Amino acid sequence: MSLRPRQLSLPKGTRVFSPGEPCPGFVMLHEGTIRVSLSAENGREVVLYRVRPGDVCLQTFSCLINQSTYRAEGVAETDLSGVILPPEAFHARMADDPAFRGDVFSSVARRFGDFEQLVEDVALIGFDARLARTLLRLRDGENRVNATHEQLATETASGRAFVSRRLAEFARQGLVVPARGWIDLADIAGLERIAADTL
């Protein structure tokens, strides 16, 4: 039984875990982002959440607590560095280290808040507001979103064709300027007004 953490170092684009795989241990990121998504049999995909330094991956937490396998896929959205606590070490620290246990439970509570937001966005928010929120969330310092229509469909739990139609309407209104592989946000205030709308 090993209690020593293992170093984690993975390049961008690496699959960190896949459905049906056992959990190798508790991931503690120092740098980078893991995108966790769920895919249906028809190929549709939805982003569940992202794991950044200080975050807990609910998939990993569930696997370790329930001794089950992964149900979603995790992909390195950037280069990753960190450590993996073997299952035995994770359970030992949860039992014996109150500060570690408190940090884990606090992070799990925050992650459930993210899930509540996802459900609210899909069930209670109009699509235009959902798309506007996604564009604002994904923008960089130049107000550019480096994403394809397919990637935006994954982010908004919708279909690519529908995303393309609504982006075309946003462009007609002067809100965005689409290009191949990215989208420039031309009217931040306008997008923020749409993002604030609800059904």
Protein backbone atom coordinates (compact mmCIF):
# COMPACT_ATOMS: atom_id res chain seq x y z
CA MET A 1 0.00 0.00 0.00
CA SER A 2 1.51 3.31 -1.13
CA LEU A 3 0.72 6.57 0.62
CA ARG A 4 3.20 8.68 -1.33
CA PRO A 5 1.79 11.20 -3.82
CA ARG A 6 2.73 10.76 -7.48
CA GLN A 7 3.70 13.69 -9.67
CA LEU A 8 1.24 14.64 -12.38
CA SER A 9 2.50 16.33 -15.54
CA LEU A 10 0.42 16.17 -18.73
CA PRO A 11 0.40 18.25 -21.93
CA LYS A 12 -2.65 20.07 -23.24
CA GLY A 13 -5.11 17.78 -25.00
CA THR A 14 -4.28 14.65 -22.98
CA ARG A 15 -7.23 12.54 -21.84
CA VAL A 16 -6.95 12.43 -18.04
CA PHE A 17 -9.75 9.90 -17.50
CA SER A 18 -12.51 8.20 -19.48
CA PRO A 19 -15.85 6.54 -18.68
CA GLY A 20 -15.43 3.06 -17.20
CA GLU A 21 -11.87 3.63 -15.98
CA PRO A 22 -10.95 3.15 -12.31
CA CYS A 23 -9.75 6.18 -10.38
CA PRO A 24 -5.97 6.23 -9.78
CA GLY A 25 -6.27 8.67 -6.90
CA PHE A 26 -7.19 12.19 -5.80
CA VAL A 27 -5.91 14.85 -8.20
CA MET A 28 -4.51 18.04 -6.68
CA LEU A 29 -3.68 20.51 -9.45
CA HIS A 30 -0.92 23.08 -9.08
CA GLU A 31 -1.33 24.51 -12.59
CA GLY A 32 -3.75 24.01 -15.46
CA THR A 33 -7.39 23.17 -16.16
CA ILE A 34 -9.22 19.87 -16.71
CA ARG A 35 -12.45 20.01 -18.72
CA VAL A 36 -14.94 17.37 -17.56
CA SER A 37 -17.69 16.44 -20.04
CA LEU A 38 -20.40 13.85 -20.58
CA SER A 39 -21.21 12.33 -23.97
CA ALA A 40 -24.40 10.67 -25.16
CA GLU A 41 -24.62 7.70 -27.53
CA ASN A 42 -25.65 10.05 -30.36
CA GLY A 43 -22.37 11.94 -29.98
CA ARG A 44 -23.78 15.02 -28.25
CA GLU A 45 -21.49 16.31 -25.53
CA VAL A 46 -21.99 18.73 -22.64
CA VAL A 47 -19.34 20.31 -20.43
CA LEU A 48 -20.15 19.56 -16.79
CA TYR A 49 -17.46 21.68 -15.15
CA ARG A 50 -13.77 22.55 -15.14
CA VAL A 51 -11.22 21.63 -12.50
CA ARG A 52 -8.61 24.24 -11.62
CA PRO A 53 -6.06 24.48 -8.78
CA GLY A 54 -7.93 24.27 -5.48
CA ASP A 55 -10.97 22.58 -7.04
CA VAL A 56 -12.28 19.08 -6.45
CA CYS A 57 -13.30 16.90 -9.39
CA LEU A 58 -16.67 15.47 -8.39
CA GLN A 59 -16.16 12.50 -10.71
CA THR A 60 -12.93 11.62 -8.91
CA PHE A 61 -14.42 12.27 -5.48
CA SER A 62 -17.40 10.03 -6.25
CA CYS A 63 -15.17 7.25 -7.59
CA LEU A 64 -13.00 7.29 -4.48
CA ILE A 65 -15.89 7.44 -2.01
CA ASN A 66 -18.05 4.85 -3.80
CA GLN A 67 -15.18 2.73 -5.14
CA SER A 68 -16.67 3.05 -8.61
CA THR A 69 -15.40 3.92 -12.08
CA TYR A 70 -15.56 7.20 -13.97
CA ARG A 71 -18.78 8.09 -15.80
CA ALA A 72 -17.47 11.17 -17.64
CA GLU A 73 -14.35 12.21 -19.53
CA GLY A 74 -11.66 14.56 -18.32
CA VAL A 75 -9.32 16.27 -20.80
CA ALA A 76 -6.38 18.58 -20.11
CA GLU A 77 -7.57 21.92 -21.45
CA THR A 78 -4.08 23.32 -20.76
CA ASP A 79 -0.77 21.80 -19.71
CA LEU A 80 -1.21 20.25 -16.25
CA SER A 81 1.03 19.91 -13.23
CA GLY A 82 0.18 18.64 -9.78
CA VAL A 83 0.11 15.48 -7.70
CA ILE A 84 -2.12 12.42 -7.38
CA LEU A 85 -2.83 11.09 -3.89
CA PRO A 86 -3.28 7.29 -4.05
CA PRO A 87 -6.70 6.16 -2.81
CA GLU A 88 -5.21 4.89 0.46
CA ALA A 89 -3.55 8.26 1.12
CA PHE A 90 -6.74 10.15 0.27
CA HIS A 91 -8.83 8.09 2.70
CA ALA A 92 -6.16 8.39 5.40
CA ARG A 93 -6.05 12.18 5.09
CA MET A 94 -9.84 12.43 5.04
CA ALA A 95 -9.91 10.47 8.31
CA ASP A 96 -6.94 12.04 10.09
CA ASP A 97 -6.47 15.57 8.69
CA PRO A 98 -9.35 17.92 9.64
CA ALA A 99 -7.98 20.81 7.57
CA PHE A 100 -7.70 18.64 4.43
CA ARG A 101 -11.17 17.20 5.04
CA GLY A 102 -12.64 20.67 5.47
CA ASP A 103 -11.00 21.92 2.26
CA VAL A 104 -12.32 18.94 0.32
CA PHE A 105 -15.88 19.29 1.61
CA SER A 106 -15.87 23.06 0.98
CA SER A 107 -14.73 22.48 -2.59
CA VAL A 108 -17.36 19.77 -3.11
CA ALA A 109 -20.03 22.19 -1.88
CA ARG A 110 -18.83 24.83 -4.36
CA ARG A 111 -18.88 22.27 -7.15
CA PHE A 112 -22.50 21.37 -6.37
CA GLY A 113 -23.23 25.06 -6.70
CA ASP A 114 -21.75 24.89 -10.21
CA PHE A 115 -24.08 21.99 -11.02
CA GLU A 116 -27.07 23.96 -9.75
CA GLN A 117 -26.04 26.80 -12.06
CA LEU A 118 -25.76 24.38 -14.99
CA VAL A 119 -29.26 23.02 -14.35
CA GLU A 120 -30.62 26.55 -14.00
CA ASP A 121 -28.96 27.65 -17.24
CA VAL A 122 -30.34 24.71 -19.22
CA ALA A 123 -33.81 24.56 -17.69
CA LEU A 124 -34.65 28.12 -16.74
CA ILE A 125 -32.60 30.42 -18.98
CA GLY A 126 -33.39 31.23 -22.62
CA PHE A 127 -30.81 30.05 -25.13
CA ASP A 128 -29.68 33.52 -26.20
CA ALA A 129 -28.93 34.38 -22.57
CA ARG A 130 -27.09 31.08 -22.16
CA LEU A 131 -25.01 31.70 -25.28
CA ALA A 132 -24.23 35.27 -24.23
CA ARG A 133 -23.13 34.09 -20.78
CA THR A 134 -20.90 31.46 -22.34
CA LEU A 135 -19.27 33.95 -24.71
CA LEU A 136 -18.61 36.37 -21.85
CA ARG A 137 -17.22 33.59 -19.64
CA LEU A 138 -14.86 32.25 -22.31
CA ARG A 139 -13.52 35.57 -23.60
CA ASP A 140 -9.85 36.43 -23.24
CA GLY A 141 -8.28 39.79 -22.46
CA GLU A 142 -8.87 40.93 -26.04
CA ASN A 143 -12.61 40.13 -25.86
CA ARG A 144 -12.07 37.20 -28.19
CA VAL A 145 -13.49 33.70 -27.75
CA ASN A 146 -11.23 31.04 -29.23
CA ALA A 147 -13.87 28.40 -29.88
CA THR A 148 -15.63 26.79 -32.83
CA HIS A 149 -19.41 26.54 -33.16
CA GLU A 150 -19.10 22.87 -32.21
CA GLN A 151 -17.25 23.76 -29.01
CA LEU A 152 -19.85 26.38 -28.14
CA ALA A 153 -22.56 23.78 -28.66
CA THR A 154 -20.79 21.58 -26.12
CA GLU A 155 -20.52 24.48 -23.67
CA THR A 156 -24.20 25.38 -24.00
CA ALA A 157 -25.64 21.82 -24.13
CA SER A 158 -27.17 22.44 -27.55
CA GLY A 159 -26.69 21.57 -31.22
CA ARG A 160 -24.11 23.09 -33.54
CA ALA A 161 -26.65 24.22 -36.13
CA PHE A 162 -28.66 26.09 -33.51
CA VAL A 163 -25.53 27.80 -32.16
CA SER A 164 -24.60 28.85 -35.71
CA ARG A 165 -28.05 30.36 -36.32
CA ARG A 166 -28.02 32.34 -33.09
CA LEU A 167 -24.45 33.55 -33.63
CA ALA A 168 -25.48 34.74 -37.08
CA GLU A 169 -28.29 36.72 -35.44
CA PHE A 170 -25.85 38.11 -32.84
CA ALA A 171 -23.59 39.17 -35.71
CA ARG A 172 -26.52 40.83 -37.53
CA GLN A 173 -27.19 42.84 -34.36
CA GLY A 174 -23.52 43.89 -34.16
CA LEU A 175 -22.85 41.96 -30.96
CA VAL A 176 -20.15 39.65 -32.33
CA VAL A 177 -17.84 39.31 -35.32
CA PRO A 178 -17.41 35.60 -36.16
CA ALA A 179 -14.29 34.24 -37.83
CA ARG A 180 -12.93 30.77 -38.51
CA GLY A 181 -12.03 29.29 -35.11
CA TRP A 182 -12.79 32.34 -33.02
CA ILE A 183 -15.39 35.03 -32.31
CA ASP A 184 -14.68 38.67 -31.48
CA LEU A 185 -17.11 40.24 -29.00
CA ALA A 186 -17.99 43.65 -30.46
CA ASP A 187 -20.64 44.81 -27.97
CA ILE A 188 -19.91 43.65 -24.42
CA ALA A 189 -22.69 45.77 -22.89
CA GLY A 190 -25.21 44.33 -25.33
CA LEU A 191 -24.15 40.77 -24.55
CA GLU A 192 -24.37 41.51 -20.83
CA ARG A 193 -27.95 42.73 -21.26
CA ILE A 194 -28.87 39.52 -23.10
CA ALA A 195 -27.04 37.42 -20.49
CA ALA A 196 -29.19 38.97 -17.76
CA ASP A 197 -32.43 37.88 -19.42
CA THR A 198 -34.36 34.86 -18.12
CA LEU A 199 -37.33 32.94 -19.50
